[in-house]
Structures are given as structure tokens and as C-alpha cells.
Amino acid sequence: MPKSKSALKHATGRVSVPLPGAGRWLLFGTDLRRAKEPGLEWRSDFVTATIGVRAKR
């Protein structure tokens, strides 16, 4: 099983994640930022996606 990898978003807000091969992949991410609201220190949003990559022919 492949190990987890970290990636940071580009200035455009996008992330590039090279996948090492074919198969099913679970991608997940967290956007963590300082909160602007009083009484809160942090705000976060989460995303999860499952994708399938076909083998090269």
C-alpha cells in the first residue's frame, strides 16, 4: 500500500498530485486557516475524492 504524501496548493489554489500507477486512489485534503471571527482561532474545510486510473495500453 502506498504511503501518504503531502502537497501544498499553488497560488492558483490548485494542487498537483502525481500518482505512481494505475488503480483506485483516495485523495483527501484540508484547508486550514486562521479564523476572522471573534472567539475562533482556526477555520477548516475538508474534501475527499476517490478516482480510478487506468493502466497504460
C-alpha atoms as a PDB file:
ATOM      1  CA  MET A   1       0.000   0.000   0.000  1.00  0.00           C
ATOM      2  CA  PRO A   2       1.444   3.425  -0.931  1.00  0.00           C
ATOM      3  CA  LYS A   3       2.230   5.816   1.855  1.00  0.00           C
ATOM      4  CA  SER A   4       0.546   9.171   2.349  1.00  0.00           C
ATOM      5  CA  LYS A   5       2.034  12.180   0.622  1.00  0.00           C
ATOM      6  CA  SER A   6       1.651  15.853   1.378  1.00  0.00           C
ATOM      7  CA  ALA A   7       1.118  18.637  -1.148  1.00  0.00           C
ATOM      8  CA  LEU A   8       0.622  22.369  -0.856  1.00  0.00           C
ATOM      9  CA  LYS A   9      -1.691  24.362  -3.085  1.00  0.00           C
ATOM     10  CA  HIS A  10      -0.283  26.640  -5.752  1.00  0.00           C
ATOM     11  CA  ALA A  11      -1.001  30.375  -5.864  1.00  0.00           C
ATOM     12  CA  THR A  12      -3.991  29.479  -8.078  1.00  0.00           C
ATOM     13  CA  GLY A  13      -5.473  27.336  -5.289  1.00  0.00           C
ATOM     14  CA  ARG A  14      -4.806  24.089  -7.187  1.00  0.00           C
ATOM     15  CA  VAL A  15      -2.796  21.061  -6.100  1.00  0.00           C
ATOM     16  CA  SER A  16      -0.880  18.680  -8.366  1.00  0.00           C
ATOM     17  CA  VAL A  17      -0.664  15.106  -7.124  1.00  0.00           C
ATOM     18  CA  PRO A  18       1.348  12.707  -9.298  1.00  0.00           C
ATOM     19  CA  LEU A  19       0.021   9.167  -8.894  1.00  0.00           C
ATOM     20  CA  PRO A  20       2.556   6.330  -9.113  1.00  0.00           C
ATOM     21  CA  GLY A  21       0.378   3.971 -11.142  1.00  0.00           C
ATOM     22  CA  ALA A  22      -2.969   2.550 -12.139  1.00  0.00           C
ATOM     23  CA  GLY A  23      -5.624   1.649  -9.616  1.00  0.00           C
ATOM     24  CA  ARG A  24      -8.090   3.243  -7.257  1.00  0.00           C
ATOM     25  CA  TRP A  25      -6.880   6.272  -5.317  1.00  0.00           C
ATOM     26  CA  LEU A  26      -8.300   8.091  -2.335  1.00  0.00           C
ATOM     27  CA  LEU A  27      -7.398  11.770  -2.238  1.00  0.00           C
ATOM     28  CA  PHE A  28      -8.192  13.913   0.762  1.00  0.00           C
ATOM     29  CA  GLY A  29      -7.338  17.412   1.786  1.00  0.00           C
ATOM     30  CA  THR A  30      -7.762  20.001   4.496  1.00  0.00           C
ATOM     31  CA  ASP A  31      -7.786  23.760   4.089  1.00  0.00           C
ATOM     32  CA  LEU A  32      -6.751  25.143   7.473  1.00  0.00           C
ATOM     33  CA  ARG A  33      -6.623  28.902   8.023  1.00  0.00           C
ATOM     34  CA  ARG A  34      -6.780  31.464  10.805  1.00  0.00           C
ATOM     35  CA  ALA A  35     -10.348  32.456  11.621  1.00  0.00           C
ATOM     36  CA  LYS A  36     -11.521  36.038  11.207  1.00  0.00           C
ATOM     37  CA  GLU A  37     -14.498  35.543  13.550  1.00  0.00           C
ATOM     38  CA  PRO A  38     -14.082  36.554  17.184  1.00  0.00           C
ATOM     39  CA  GLY A  39     -13.730  33.631  19.582  1.00  0.00           C
ATOM     40  CA  LEU A  40     -12.444  31.247  16.884  1.00  0.00           C
ATOM     41  CA  GLU A  41      -8.798  30.504  16.298  1.00  0.00           C
ATOM     42  CA  TRP A  42      -8.976  28.303  13.195  1.00  0.00           C
ATOM     43  CA  ARG A  43     -11.375  27.513  10.310  1.00  0.00           C
ATOM     44  CA  SER A  44     -11.104  24.369   8.211  1.00  0.00           C
ATOM     45  CA  ASP A  45     -12.733  22.755   5.201  1.00  0.00           C
ATOM     46  CA  PHE A  46     -12.277  19.151   4.122  1.00  0.00           C
ATOM     47  CA  VAL A  47     -12.511  17.373   0.771  1.00  0.00           C
ATOM     48  CA  THR A  48     -12.319  13.691  -0.191  1.00  0.00           C
ATOM     49  CA  ALA A  49     -12.320  12.184  -3.691  1.00  0.00           C
ATOM     50  CA  THR A  50     -11.932   8.640  -4.978  1.00  0.00           C
ATOM     51  CA  ILE A  51     -10.616   8.284  -8.524  1.00  0.00           C
ATOM     52  CA  GLY A  52      -9.691   5.420 -10.798  1.00  0.00           C
ATOM     53  CA  VAL A  53      -6.623   5.464 -13.055  1.00  0.00           C
ATOM     54  CA  ARG A  54      -6.482   3.043 -15.982  1.00  0.00           C
ATOM     55  CA  ALA A  55      -3.308   1.198 -16.867  1.00  0.00           C
ATOM     56  CA  LYS A  56      -1.439   2.393 -19.947  1.00  0.00           C
ATOM     57  CA  ARG A  57      -2.171   0.362 -23.037  1.00  0.00           C
END
